[in-house]
Amino acid sequence: MAQRIEGLVAAVFTPMHADGSLAPDVIARQHRSLAAAGLRGAFVCGTTGEGVSLALAERRTVVERWRAAAGPDFALVVHVGANCLADARSLTAHAQEVGASASSRTP
């Protein structure tokens, strides 16, 4: 996670079905829309991403789907903040494993 991020990075929402379950198939469409608009990255699971409301497995799924959809040339900033320090560490390690550009621990 040591690369310079340049250009616009959007804080994206986490796509959900009406029943509150994740809708990860929407993520590829989100990426295409951002890339077509000239954005250079996405901030996932934070700000508007509902990350702290999701289970750890759901947060990992969102990050993995974004990395798969966006590829290595699109910046991926992952919110890893959590009420439990062990969870934050686990999410940080996962972000690094999937090749995130950066992580953020905003409150």
C-alpha atoms as a PDB file:
ATOM      1  CA  MET A   1       0.000   0.000   0.000  1.00  0.00           C
ATOM      2  CA  ALA A   2       2.683   2.501  -0.908  1.00  0.00           C
ATOM      3  CA  GLN A   3       1.665   4.259  -4.074  1.00  0.00           C
ATOM      4  CA  ARG A   4       0.807   7.848  -4.833  1.00  0.00           C
ATOM      5  CA  ILE A   5      -2.879   8.495  -5.472  1.00  0.00           C
ATOM      6  CA  GLU A   6      -3.629  11.248  -7.954  1.00  0.00           C
ATOM      7  CA  GLY A   7      -6.924  12.534  -9.306  1.00  0.00           C
ATOM      8  CA  LEU A   8     -10.433  12.317  -7.964  1.00  0.00           C
ATOM      9  CA  VAL A   9     -11.416   9.519  -5.594  1.00  0.00           C
ATOM     10  CA  ALA A  10     -15.128   9.045  -4.866  1.00  0.00           C
ATOM     11  CA  ALA A  11     -16.590   7.871  -1.576  1.00  0.00           C
ATOM     12  CA  VAL A  12     -18.972   5.219  -2.856  1.00  0.00           C
ATOM     13  CA  PHE A  13     -22.035   3.711  -1.243  1.00  0.00           C
ATOM     14  CA  THR A  14     -22.185   0.023  -0.471  1.00  0.00           C
ATOM     15  CA  PRO A  15     -24.833  -1.491  -2.763  1.00  0.00           C
ATOM     16  CA  MET A  16     -27.599  -3.318  -0.943  1.00  0.00           C
ATOM     17  CA  HIS A  17     -30.710  -5.243  -1.832  1.00  0.00           C
ATOM     18  CA  ALA A  18     -34.061  -4.108  -0.430  1.00  0.00           C
ATOM     19  CA  ASP A  19     -33.770  -6.742   2.329  1.00  0.00           C
ATOM     20  CA  GLY A  20     -30.479  -5.216   3.562  1.00  0.00           C
ATOM     21  CA  SER A  21     -28.184  -7.880   2.141  1.00  0.00           C
ATOM     22  CA  LEU A  22     -25.161  -6.951   0.045  1.00  0.00           C
ATOM     23  CA  ALA A  23     -25.598  -6.503  -3.695  1.00  0.00           C
ATOM     24  CA  PRO A  24     -21.972  -7.086  -4.744  1.00  0.00           C
ATOM     25  CA  ASP A  25     -22.841  -7.564  -8.416  1.00  0.00           C
ATOM     26  CA  VAL A  26     -23.522  -3.806  -8.583  1.00  0.00           C
ATOM     27  CA  ILE A  27     -19.899  -2.968  -7.778  1.00  0.00           C
ATOM     28  CA  ALA A  28     -18.608  -3.579 -11.316  1.00  0.00           C
ATOM     29  CA  ARG A  29     -21.227  -1.149 -12.635  1.00  0.00           C
ATOM     30  CA  GLN A  30     -20.215   1.412  -9.998  1.00  0.00           C
ATOM     31  CA  HIS A  31     -16.601   1.129 -11.114  1.00  0.00           C
ATOM     32  CA  ARG A  32     -17.456   1.497 -14.799  1.00  0.00           C
ATOM     33  CA  SER A  33     -19.478   4.625 -14.044  1.00  0.00           C
ATOM     34  CA  LEU A  34     -16.687   6.233 -12.029  1.00  0.00           C
ATOM     35  CA  ALA A  35     -14.016   5.363 -14.577  1.00  0.00           C
ATOM     36  CA  ALA A  36     -16.159   6.701 -17.441  1.00  0.00           C
ATOM     37  CA  ALA A  37     -16.507   9.987 -15.533  1.00  0.00           C
ATOM     38  CA  GLY A  38     -12.717  10.245 -15.261  1.00  0.00           C
ATOM     39  CA  LEU A  39     -12.354   9.392 -11.586  1.00  0.00           C
ATOM     40  CA  ARG A  40      -9.161   7.658 -10.522  1.00  0.00           C
ATOM     41  CA  GLY A  41     -10.302   5.744  -7.456  1.00  0.00           C
ATOM     42  CA  ALA A  42     -12.900   4.763  -4.890  1.00  0.00           C
ATOM     43  CA  PHE A  43     -13.072   5.033  -1.103  1.00  0.00           C
ATOM     44  CA  VAL A  44     -14.988   1.948   0.020  1.00  0.00           C
ATOM     45  CA  CYS A  45     -16.725   0.992   3.266  1.00  0.00           C
ATOM     46  CA  GLY A  46     -16.331   4.481   4.689  1.00  0.00           C
ATOM     47  CA  THR A  47     -18.156   7.805   4.669  1.00  0.00           C
ATOM     48  CA  THR A  48     -21.184   6.738   2.614  1.00  0.00           C
ATOM     49  CA  GLY A  49     -20.099   3.106   2.508  1.00  0.00           C
ATOM     50  CA  GLU A  50     -21.852   1.876   5.630  1.00  0.00           C
ATOM     51  CA  GLY A  51     -18.726  -0.081   6.555  1.00  0.00           C
ATOM     52  CA  VAL A  52     -19.139   0.002  10.307  1.00  0.00           C
ATOM     53  CA  SER A  53     -22.674  -1.356   9.910  1.00  0.00           C
ATOM     54  CA  LEU A  54     -21.464  -4.422   8.013  1.00  0.00           C
ATOM     55  CA  ALA A  55     -20.095  -7.703   9.306  1.00  0.00           C
ATOM     56  CA  LEU A  56     -16.368  -8.251   8.746  1.00  0.00           C
ATOM     57  CA  ALA A  57     -17.048 -10.864   6.060  1.00  0.00           C
ATOM     58  CA  GLU A  58     -19.307  -8.411   4.229  1.00  0.00           C
ATOM     59  CA  ARG A  59     -16.644  -5.688   4.382  1.00  0.00           C
ATOM     60  CA  ARG A  60     -14.087  -8.106   2.955  1.00  0.00           C
ATOM     61  CA  THR A  61     -16.482  -9.077   0.163  1.00  0.00           C
ATOM     62  CA  VAL A  62     -16.989  -5.428  -0.800  1.00  0.00           C
ATOM     63  CA  VAL A  63     -13.239  -4.811  -0.923  1.00  0.00           C
ATOM     64  CA  GLU A  64     -12.554  -7.978  -2.916  1.00  0.00           C
ATOM     65  CA  ARG A  65     -15.281  -7.166  -5.440  1.00  0.00           C
ATOM     66  CA  TRP A  66     -13.966  -3.634  -5.873  1.00  0.00           C
ATOM     67  CA  ARG A  67     -10.426  -4.855  -6.452  1.00  0.00           C
ATOM     68  CA  ALA A  68     -11.625  -7.457  -8.970  1.00  0.00           C
ATOM     69  CA  ALA A  69     -13.802  -4.932 -10.828  1.00  0.00           C
ATOM     70  CA  ALA A  70     -11.361  -2.049 -10.807  1.00  0.00           C
ATOM     71  CA  GLY A  71      -8.061  -3.745 -11.448  1.00  0.00           C
ATOM     72  CA  PRO A  72      -4.686  -2.510 -10.218  1.00  0.00           C
ATOM     73  CA  ASP A  73      -4.686   0.860 -12.032  1.00  0.00           C
ATOM     74  CA  PHE A  74      -7.752   2.234 -10.204  1.00  0.00           C
ATOM     75  CA  ALA A  75      -6.986   3.467  -6.682  1.00  0.00           C
ATOM     76  CA  LEU A  76      -8.790   1.641  -3.924  1.00  0.00           C
ATOM     77  CA  VAL A  77      -8.864   3.275  -0.485  1.00  0.00           C
ATOM     78  CA  VAL A  78     -10.383   1.002   2.147  1.00  0.00           C
ATOM     79  CA  HIS A  79     -11.953   2.149   5.395  1.00  0.00           C
ATOM     80  CA  VAL A  80     -10.679  -0.194   8.099  1.00  0.00           C
ATOM     81  CA  GLY A  81     -11.966   1.543  11.215  1.00  0.00           C
ATOM     82  CA  ALA A  82     -13.807  -0.604  13.746  1.00  0.00           C
ATOM     83  CA  ASN A  83     -14.811  -0.499  17.399  1.00  0.00           C
ATOM     84  CA  CYS A  84     -12.611  -3.532  18.042  1.00  0.00           C
ATOM     85  CA  LEU A  85      -8.862  -3.099  17.530  1.00  0.00           C
ATOM     86  CA  ALA A  86      -8.447  -6.721  16.439  1.00  0.00           C
ATOM     87  CA  ASP A  87     -11.105  -6.203  13.744  1.00  0.00           C
ATOM     88  CA  ALA A  88      -9.373  -3.046  12.511  1.00  0.00           C
ATOM     89  CA  ARG A  89      -6.068  -4.904  12.298  1.00  0.00           C
ATOM     90  CA  SER A  90      -7.699  -7.775  10.452  1.00  0.00           C
ATOM     91  CA  LEU A  91      -9.348  -5.418   7.963  1.00  0.00           C
ATOM     92  CA  THR A  92      -6.060  -3.570   7.447  1.00  0.00           C
ATOM     93  CA  ALA A  93      -4.221  -6.826   6.726  1.00  0.00           C
ATOM     94  CA  HIS A  94      -6.961  -7.847   4.297  1.00  0.00           C
ATOM     95  CA  ALA A  95      -6.795  -4.508   2.473  1.00  0.00           C
ATOM     96  CA  GLN A  96      -3.070  -4.980   2.059  1.00  0.00           C
ATOM     97  CA  GLU A  97      -3.492  -8.582   0.868  1.00  0.00           C
ATOM     98  CA  VAL A  98      -5.914  -7.607  -1.906  1.00  0.00           C
ATOM     99  CA  GLY A  99      -3.685  -4.765  -3.079  1.00  0.00           C
ATOM    100  CA  ALA A 100      -5.521  -1.695  -1.799  1.00  0.00           C
ATOM    101  CA  SER A 101      -3.805   1.591  -2.545  1.00  0.00           C
ATOM    102  CA  ALA A 102      -4.374   2.855   0.997  1.00  0.00           C
ATOM    103  CA  SER A 103      -6.395   2.302   4.124  1.00  0.00           C
ATOM    104  CA  SER A 104      -8.204   4.777   6.333  1.00  0.00           C
ATOM    105  CA  ARG A 105      -9.226   4.565   9.940  1.00  0.00           C
ATOM    106  CA  THR A 106     -11.584   7.517  10.216  1.00  0.00           C
ATOM    107  CA  PRO A 107     -13.760   7.444  13.350  1.00  0.00           C
END
